[in-house]
């Protein structure tokens, strides 16, 4: 696969969902840009004479071979984005899957196992708050009744959003028959870091995903006037919130973990008013589950102590938690060997592959990201490295399906 060949297909997807002067993307699941991306995928799949179908959760599949046959080799990723995210996180795996099928056909390969390509819905959790929602629903890790009630920032529920897109929310839920037909899953993704840059390698293989999760933090106080309320009389939840953010940063550094507060909502959100409530979301990750638990407990304890000092209230509620994922060792080693002993490295980012790993042999490939930036417009991979990623994925599919 040549870089020019990769670039031609890649650039056909790039304009969809690009928003604002920063060049970032807003592709939220079941919204207009996401639906346009899904239409793009279906058209590209049908142009390749692939069989296209959708499960009850909105996960979109394309098949080379019998979609009802067992022991399929499936690849793919997602097309939704974080707000003003980069172009590569998710879409690179989808585009590479289409091109890997092209490459295998040009090699004259006839797979003995069906090859599938999937676009998972709501992987980022940017609209409805639960990451990897499509794969969680498919595997039974998410209660469909709870999923239907999830709402976005405008109060639109997942059920309402699906209905507006002519999808039936009553079909949400596990699909054991479909899941049982998958014999192996391999996801290609841009690296979210700089390990491959330091290793001078264009492609790597994942070993594991760090345990991680999202917790909602609610701070309550007393609304009042910014100009007339004495500092000693204030019950300001924003002060407690600020202390909690600093505590999360300090504890993460102390425990060699990661903690991020990237979203906050204040009420009434007025410049000249003391807030009555602050809601914020903590994203925490660590190399092992004991460290992650210790990190979150420390943030909770320090925020409780600060709230008692400030005369405010504090509550921490888990929204999603994912344990350590160790990818299938035999599959990982087989792929690394096929790729000429490609480097093997862990990741702190969550993926649909991590959800599927509890059910089917699963592996991941990473393509070098020279900026090291992800979830932002500066996320990047060269056309040359992406073409090498396509070839690596094609080699992997040939190794497993032929």
Protein backbone atom coordinates (compact mmCIF):
# COMPACT_ATOMS: atom_id res chain seq x y z
CA UNK A 1 0.00 0.00 0.00
CA UNK A 2 1.51 3.30 -1.07
CA UNK A 3 1.29 6.54 0.95
CA UNK A 4 -0.57 8.17 -1.96
CA UNK A 5 -3.14 5.40 -1.97
CA UNK A 6 -3.68 5.84 1.76
CA UNK A 7 -3.92 9.63 1.41
CA UNK A 8 -6.60 9.45 -1.29
CA UNK A 9 -9.07 7.54 0.90
CA UNK A 10 -8.05 9.38 4.07
CA UNK A 11 -8.74 12.78 2.56
CA UNK A 12 -12.23 11.75 1.48
CA UNK A 13 -13.17 11.44 5.17
CA UNK A 14 -11.26 14.44 6.54
CA UNK A 15 -13.80 17.23 5.86
CA UNK A 16 -16.63 15.55 7.78
CA UNK A 17 -17.09 17.06 11.23
CA UNK A 18 -14.18 19.49 11.10
CA UNK A 19 -15.16 22.40 13.31
CA UNK A 20 -13.76 25.84 13.96
CA UNK A 21 -10.47 27.51 13.24
CA UNK A 22 -8.44 25.07 15.35
CA UNK A 23 -9.03 22.30 12.82
CA UNK A 24 -10.42 19.94 15.45
CA UNK A 25 -13.33 17.56 14.98
CA UNK A 26 -16.78 17.37 16.54
CA UNK A 27 -18.20 13.98 15.59
CA UNK A 28 -20.57 13.11 18.42
CA UNK A 29 -22.45 9.84 18.15
CA UNK A 30 -25.88 9.94 16.50
CA UNK A 31 -25.40 13.62 15.55
CA UNK A 32 -25.14 14.90 11.98
CA UNK A 33 -21.38 14.54 11.46
CA UNK A 34 -21.31 11.05 12.94
CA UNK A 35 -24.20 9.95 10.74
CA UNK A 36 -22.39 11.36 7.70
CA UNK A 37 -19.27 9.40 8.69
CA UNK A 38 -21.33 6.24 8.98
CA UNK A 39 -22.81 6.85 5.55
CA UNK A 40 -19.29 7.37 4.17
CA UNK A 41 -18.22 4.03 5.64
CA UNK A 42 -21.23 2.16 4.29
CA UNK A 43 -20.65 3.54 0.80
CA UNK A 44 -16.95 2.63 0.87
CA UNK A 45 -17.78 -0.87 2.08
CA UNK A 46 -20.46 -1.42 -0.57
CA UNK A 47 -18.07 -0.13 -3.25
CA UNK A 48 -15.84 -3.05 -2.21
CA UNK A 49 -18.73 -5.53 -2.45
CA UNK A 50 -18.72 -6.07 1.30
CA UNK A 51 -21.90 -7.05 3.12
CA UNK A 52 -23.00 -4.25 5.47
CA UNK A 53 -25.20 -4.66 8.53
CA UNK A 54 -25.79 -2.98 11.90
CA UNK A 55 -26.38 -4.57 15.28
CA UNK A 56 -29.03 -3.33 17.70
CA UNK A 57 -26.55 -0.99 19.38
CA UNK A 58 -25.65 0.97 16.27
CA UNK A 59 -22.31 -0.78 15.73
CA UNK A 60 -21.80 -0.90 11.96
CA UNK A 61 -20.24 -4.00 10.36
CA UNK A 62 -18.91 -4.81 6.88
CA UNK A 63 -18.04 -8.38 5.90
CA UNK A 64 -15.74 -10.04 3.38
CA UNK A 65 -17.14 -13.55 3.40
CA UNK A 66 -20.18 -15.05 5.10
CA UNK A 67 -21.30 -12.76 7.95
CA UNK A 68 -23.11 -15.66 9.61
CA UNK A 69 -20.09 -17.97 9.63
CA UNK A 70 -18.12 -18.67 12.79
CA UNK A 71 -14.50 -17.89 13.68
CA UNK A 72 -14.36 -14.54 11.88
CA UNK A 73 -11.33 -12.25 12.09
CA UNK A 74 -12.59 -8.73 12.78
CA UNK A 75 -10.80 -5.40 12.74
CA UNK A 76 -12.01 -1.81 13.03
CA UNK A 77 -12.31 1.09 15.45
CA UNK A 78 -14.64 4.11 15.74
CA UNK A 79 -15.52 7.36 13.93
CA UNK A 80 -16.83 9.52 16.80
CA UNK A 81 -14.55 12.09 18.44
CA UNK A 82 -13.96 14.01 21.63
CA UNK A 83 -14.92 17.71 21.36
CA UNK A 84 -12.41 19.35 19.00
CA UNK A 85 -10.36 16.17 18.85
CA UNK A 86 -7.80 15.05 16.33
CA UNK A 87 -8.44 13.40 12.99
CA UNK A 88 -6.71 10.06 13.63
CA UNK A 89 -8.09 8.68 16.90
CA UNK A 90 -10.52 6.03 15.68
CA UNK A 91 -10.87 6.86 11.97
CA UNK A 92 -7.32 5.66 11.23
CA UNK A 93 -8.34 2.13 12.21
CA UNK A 94 -11.47 2.25 10.04
CA UNK A 95 -9.71 3.62 6.95
CA UNK A 96 -6.85 1.16 7.44
CA UNK A 97 -9.30 -1.73 7.63
CA UNK A 98 -10.84 -0.84 4.27
CA UNK A 99 -7.41 -0.45 2.68
CA UNK A 100 -6.10 -3.66 4.24
CA UNK A 101 -8.90 -5.55 2.48
CA UNK A 102 -7.89 -3.83 -0.77
CA UNK A 103 -4.29 -4.88 -0.16
CA UNK A 104 -5.20 -8.51 0.51
CA UNK A 105 -7.30 -8.69 -2.64
CA UNK A 106 -4.44 -7.24 -4.67
CA UNK A 107 -2.18 -9.92 -3.21
CA UNK A 108 -4.62 -12.52 -4.53
CA UNK A 109 -5.50 -13.69 -1.03
CA UNK A 110 -8.62 -15.80 -0.46
CA UNK A 111 -9.37 -15.90 3.28
CA UNK A 112 -10.59 -19.19 4.75
CA UNK A 113 -12.19 -17.29 7.66
CA UNK A 114 -14.60 -14.35 7.21
CA UNK A 115 -13.00 -10.94 7.65
CA UNK A 116 -15.13 -8.27 9.30
CA UNK A 117 -14.67 -4.53 9.72
CA UNK A 118 -16.57 -2.77 12.51
CA UNK A 119 -17.29 0.85 13.41
CA UNK A 120 -18.18 0.98 17.09
CA UNK A 121 -20.52 3.74 18.26
CA UNK A 122 -19.86 6.21 21.13
CA UNK A 123 -16.33 4.97 21.81
CA UNK A 124 -15.22 8.29 23.25
CA UNK A 125 -18.22 8.76 25.52
CA UNK A 126 -18.13 12.43 24.54
CA UNK A 127 -21.88 12.77 24.07
CA UNK A 128 -23.46 10.36 26.57
CA UNK A 129 -20.69 10.04 29.16
CA UNK A 130 -19.84 6.33 28.94
CA UNK A 131 -16.76 5.38 26.93
CA UNK A 132 -16.87 2.34 24.62
CA UNK A 133 -20.65 2.31 24.91
CA UNK A 134 -21.24 0.36 21.68
CA UNK A 135 -18.84 -2.44 22.56
CA UNK A 136 -20.03 -2.50 26.19
CA UNK A 137 -23.62 -2.98 25.01
CA UNK A 138 -22.63 -5.64 22.47
CA UNK A 139 -20.79 -7.69 25.10
CA UNK A 140 -23.36 -7.23 27.88
CA UNK A 141 -21.06 -5.04 30.01
CA UNK A 142 -23.62 -2.21 29.95
CA UNK A 143 -27.28 -2.45 31.00
CA UNK A 144 -29.42 -1.40 28.01
CA UNK A 145 -32.08 0.15 30.28
CA UNK A 146 -29.44 2.38 31.83
CA UNK A 147 -27.99 3.18 28.40
CA UNK A 148 -31.34 4.34 27.03
CA UNK A 149 -31.59 6.90 29.85
CA UNK A 150 -28.11 8.40 29.37
CA UNK A 151 -28.36 12.07 28.39
CA UNK A 152 -26.10 14.56 26.64
CA UNK A 153 -25.41 18.10 27.84
CA UNK A 154 -28.62 19.32 26.21
CA UNK A 155 -30.71 16.75 28.03
CA UNK A 156 -31.27 14.56 24.95
CA UNK A 157 -31.32 10.90 25.89
CA UNK A 158 -29.57 8.16 23.93
CA UNK A 159 -33.00 6.69 23.16
CA UNK A 160 -34.18 10.02 21.73
CA UNK A 161 -31.00 10.51 19.70
CA UNK A 162 -31.25 7.03 18.20
CA UNK A 163 -34.93 7.49 17.35
CA UNK A 164 -34.15 10.77 15.58
CA UNK A 165 -31.62 8.84 13.45
CA UNK A 166 -34.24 6.17 12.62
CA UNK A 167 -32.59 3.60 14.89
CA UNK A 168 -34.62 1.57 17.37
CA UNK A 169 -33.42 2.03 20.99
CA UNK A 170 -35.47 -0.97 22.09
CA UNK A 171 -32.93 -3.15 20.27
CA UNK A 172 -30.09 -2.06 22.56
CA UNK A 173 -28.40 -4.89 24.40
CA UNK A 174 -26.03 -7.85 24.20
CA UNK A 175 -25.71 -9.85 21.00
CA UNK A 176 -24.12 -13.16 22.06
CA UNK A 177 -24.67 -14.78 18.66
CA UNK A 178 -22.75 -12.03 16.83
CA UNK A 179 -20.06 -11.90 19.49
CA UNK A 180 -19.71 -15.69 19.37
CA UNK A 181 -18.92 -15.59 15.66
CA UNK A 182 -15.81 -13.45 16.26
CA UNK A 183 -12.74 -15.64 16.53
CA UNK A 184 -10.23 -12.80 16.87
CA UNK A 185 -10.30 -9.00 17.00
CA UNK A 186 -7.43 -6.69 16.00
CA UNK A 187 -7.73 -2.90 16.33
CA UNK A 188 -5.30 -0.52 14.65
CA UNK A 189 -4.97 2.87 16.34
CA UNK A 190 -2.73 5.89 16.30
CA UNK A 191 -0.33 5.78 19.24
CA UNK A 192 -1.38 8.16 22.00
CA UNK A 193 2.10 9.04 23.15
CA UNK A 194 5.68 9.05 21.84
CA UNK A 195 7.06 5.59 22.64
CA UNK A 196 7.33 4.59 18.97
CA UNK A 197 9.11 7.86 18.18
CA UNK A 198 11.70 7.06 20.84
CA UNK A 199 12.00 3.50 19.50
CA UNK A 200 12.29 4.75 15.90
CA UNK A 201 9.55 2.30 14.88
CA UNK A 202 6.55 3.11 12.64
CA UNK A 203 4.31 0.34 14.02
CA UNK A 204 4.00 -1.35 17.40
CA UNK A 205 1.89 -3.99 19.13
CA UNK A 206 -0.01 -3.41 22.39
CA UNK A 207 0.69 -5.48 25.49
CA UNK A 208 -1.94 -4.12 27.87
CA UNK A 209 -4.28 -1.23 28.75
CA UNK A 210 -3.91 0.48 32.09
CA UNK A 211 -6.91 0.33 34.44
CA UNK A 212 -8.84 3.58 34.27
CA UNK A 213 -12.17 5.23 34.94
CA UNK A 214 -14.29 8.35 35.19
CA UNK A 215 -15.76 9.75 38.38
CA UNK A 216 -18.24 12.59 38.76
CA UNK A 217 -17.41 15.09 41.50
CA UNK A 218 -20.27 17.20 42.88
CA UNK A 219 -19.50 20.24 45.04
CA UNK A 220 -22.35 22.10 46.75
CA UNK A 221 -22.37 25.45 48.53
CA UNK A 222 -24.37 28.64 48.81
CA UNK A 223 -25.02 31.04 45.92
CA UNK A 224 -24.41 34.65 46.79
CA UNK A 225 -23.22 38.04 45.54
CA UNK A 226 -19.55 38.37 44.56
CA UNK A 227 -19.36 41.99 45.71
CA UNK A 228 -21.23 41.98 49.00
CA UNK A 229 -20.49 38.61 50.58
CA UNK A 230 -17.58 38.74 53.03
CA UNK A 231 -14.88 36.14 52.38
CA UNK A 232 -15.37 34.72 55.88
CA UNK A 233 -19.09 34.22 55.22
CA UNK A 234 -18.74 32.31 51.98
CA UNK A 235 -19.57 28.67 51.33
CA UNK A 236 -18.00 28.61 47.87
CA UNK A 237 -17.92 25.20 46.14
CA UNK A 238 -15.52 26.57 43.51
CA UNK A 239 -12.81 26.85 46.17
CA UNK A 240 -13.33 23.22 47.18
CA UNK A 241 -13.32 22.21 43.52
CA UNK A 242 -10.02 24.03 42.93
CA UNK A 243 -8.46 22.29 45.90
CA UNK A 244 -9.68 18.92 44.64
CA UNK A 245 -8.10 19.52 41.21
CA UNK A 246 -4.78 20.40 42.83
CA UNK A 247 -5.04 17.35 45.08
CA UNK A 248 -5.66 15.07 42.08
CA UNK A 249 -2.61 16.51 40.32
CA UNK A 250 -0.40 16.12 43.38
CA UNK A 251 -1.54 12.56 44.14
CA UNK A 252 -1.13 11.43 40.55
CA UNK A 253 2.43 12.75 40.43
CA UNK A 254 3.23 11.20 43.81
CA UNK A 255 1.88 7.78 42.80
CA UNK A 256 3.23 7.84 39.22
CA UNK A 257 -0.32 7.73 37.84
CA UNK A 258 -2.47 10.03 35.69
CA UNK A 259 -5.31 12.29 36.86
CA UNK A 260 -7.18 14.81 34.75
CA UNK A 261 -10.12 17.14 35.33
CA UNK A 262 -11.01 18.37 31.86
CA UNK A 263 -14.71 19.13 32.22
CA UNK A 264 -16.48 21.38 34.71
CA UNK A 265 -19.98 22.86 34.98
CA UNK A 266 -20.80 25.64 37.44
CA UNK A 267 -24.22 26.97 38.47
CA UNK A 268 -25.25 29.74 37.91
CA UNK A 269 -22.03 30.23 35.91
CA UNK A 270 -22.08 34.02 36.33
CA UNK A 271 -19.03 36.26 36.64
CA UNK A 272 -20.39 38.27 39.57
CA UNK A 273 -21.97 35.42 41.54
CA UNK A 274 -20.64 32.80 43.93
CA UNK A 275 -21.57 29.40 42.55
CA UNK A 276 -24.17 27.24 44.24
CA UNK A 277 -22.89 24.00 42.70
CA UNK A 278 -19.94 22.77 40.70
CA UNK A 279 -19.91 19.47 38.82
CA UNK A 280 -16.62 18.14 37.47
CA UNK A 281 -15.32 14.89 36.06
CA UNK A 282 -12.15 13.12 37.18
CA UNK A 283 -10.37 10.87 34.70
CA UNK A 284 -7.89 8.64 36.56
CA UNK A 285 -5.49 6.00 35.22
CA UNK A 286 -2.63 3.96 36.64
CA UNK A 287 -0.34 1.08 35.77
CA UNK A 288 -2.16 -1.25 38.17
CA UNK A 289 -5.51 -1.43 39.92
CA UNK A 290 -4.14 -0.99 43.45
CA UNK A 291 -2.51 2.30 42.48
CA UNK A 292 -5.67 3.49 40.73
CA UNK A 293 -7.76 2.71 43.83
CA UNK A 294 -5.23 4.46 46.03
CA UNK A 295 -5.24 7.53 43.79
CA UNK A 296 -9.04 7.89 43.74
CA UNK A 297 -9.30 7.27 47.50
CA UNK A 298 -6.71 9.96 48.15
CA UNK A 299 -8.57 12.48 46.00
CA UNK A 300 -11.82 11.64 47.80
CA UNK A 301 -10.24 11.98 51.24
CA UNK A 302 -8.54 15.30 50.49
CA UNK A 303 -11.68 16.75 48.88
CA UNK A 304 -13.75 15.67 51.90
CA UNK A 305 -11.28 17.38 54.23
CA UNK A 306 -11.34 20.57 52.18
CA UNK A 307 -15.13 20.57 51.98
CA UNK A 308 -15.32 20.36 55.79
CA UNK A 309 -12.97 23.35 56.01
CA UNK A 310 -14.94 25.37 53.42
CA UNK A 311 -18.41 24.55 54.75
CA UNK A 312 -19.36 22.93 51.44
CA UNK A 313 -20.54 19.50 50.34
CA UNK A 314 -18.69 16.94 48.25
CA UNK A 315 -19.68 13.65 46.62
CA UNK A 316 -17.71 11.35 44.30
CA UNK A 317 -19.68 8.99 42.04
CA UNK A 318 -18.16 6.43 39.66
CA UNK A 319 -19.52 6.64 36.10
CA UNK A 320 -17.34 4.06 34.34
CA UNK A 321 -14.49 1.86 35.50
CA UNK A 322 -12.28 -0.46 33.44
CA UNK A 323 -9.84 -2.97 34.96
CA UNK A 324 -6.42 -3.85 33.60
CA UNK A 325 -6.62 -5.43 30.15
CA UNK A 326 -3.89 -7.90 29.20
CA UNK A 327 -4.14 -8.63 25.49
CA UNK A 328 -3.98 -12.25 24.35
CA UNK A 329 -0.32 -13.18 24.77
CA UNK A 330 -0.21 -15.85 22.05
CA UNK A 331 -1.97 -13.57 19.56
CA UNK A 332 0.26 -10.61 20.47
CA UNK A 333 3.44 -12.63 20.04
CA UNK A 334 2.24 -14.15 16.78
CA UNK A 335 1.50 -10.72 15.33
CA UNK A 336 4.76 -9.19 16.58
CA UNK A 337 6.71 -12.04 14.97
CA UNK A 338 4.82 -11.67 11.68
CA UNK A 339 5.70 -7.97 11.69
CA UNK A 340 9.41 -8.62 12.17
CA UNK A 341 9.46 -8.43 15.97
CA UNK A 342 7.63 -5.12 16.18
CA UNK A 343 8.02 -3.40 19.57
CA UNK A 344 5.46 -4.31 22.24
CA UNK A 345 4.22 -1.53 24.55
CA UNK A 346 1.39 -0.78 27.01
CA UNK A 347 -1.06 2.10 26.73
CA UNK A 348 -2.92 4.27 29.19
CA UNK A 349 -5.80 4.87 26.76
CA UNK A 350 -9.02 2.86 26.68
CA UNK A 351 -10.31 1.22 23.50
CA UNK A 352 -13.12 -1.02 22.28
CA UNK A 353 -10.44 -3.71 21.95
CA UNK A 354 -10.13 -3.60 25.72
CA UNK A 355 -13.84 -4.40 26.11
CA UNK A 356 -13.76 -7.24 23.58
CA UNK A 357 -10.62 -8.72 25.18
CA UNK A 358 -12.74 -10.24 27.95
CA UNK A 359 -14.63 -12.29 25.35
CA UNK A 360 -12.43 -13.04 22.32
CA UNK A 361 -8.66 -13.18 21.59
CA UNK A 362 -7.79 -9.54 20.99
CA UNK A 363 -4.75 -7.52 19.91
CA UNK A 364 -3.91 -3.93 18.96
CA UNK A 365 -1.52 -2.29 16.53
CA UNK A 366 -0.23 1.26 17.00
CA UNK A 367 0.98 3.67 14.30
CA UNK A 368 3.68 6.19 15.23
CA UNK A 369 2.52 9.67 16.27
CA UNK A 370 5.44 12.11 15.92
CA UNK A 371 3.72 14.85 17.93
CA UNK A 372 2.75 12.54 20.77
CA UNK A 373 -0.48 14.56 21.00
CA UNK A 374 -3.91 12.92 21.07
CA UNK A 375 -7.48 14.15 21.63
CA UNK A 376 -6.41 17.48 20.13
CA UNK A 377 -5.94 18.91 16.61
CA UNK A 378 -2.14 18.40 16.70
CA UNK A 379 -2.64 14.62 16.65
CA UNK A 380 -0.82 13.37 13.55
CA UNK A 381 0.68 10.47 11.65
CA UNK A 382 2.50 10.71 8.33
CA UNK A 383 0.97 9.19 5.22
CA UNK A 384 4.07 7.01 4.91
CA UNK A 385 3.65 5.58 8.43
CA UNK A 386 -0.08 5.14 7.92
CA UNK A 387 0.61 3.15 4.74
CA UNK A 388 3.01 0.97 6.72
CA UNK A 389 0.24 0.54 9.28
CA UNK A 390 -2.14 -0.62 6.55
CA UNK A 391 0.44 -3.15 5.36
CA UNK A 392 0.98 -4.37 8.93
CA UNK A 393 -2.77 -4.80 9.39
CA UNK A 394 -3.03 -6.64 6.06
CA UNK A 395 -0.16 -8.93 7.12
CA UNK A 396 -1.94 -9.57 10.41
CA UNK A 397 -5.28 -10.36 8.76
CA UNK A 398 -3.54 -12.65 6.27
CA UNK A 399 -1.74 -14.42 9.12
CA UNK A 400 -4.99 -15.00 11.01
CA UNK A 401 -7.61 -15.50 8.29
CA UNK A 402 -5.80 -17.37 5.54
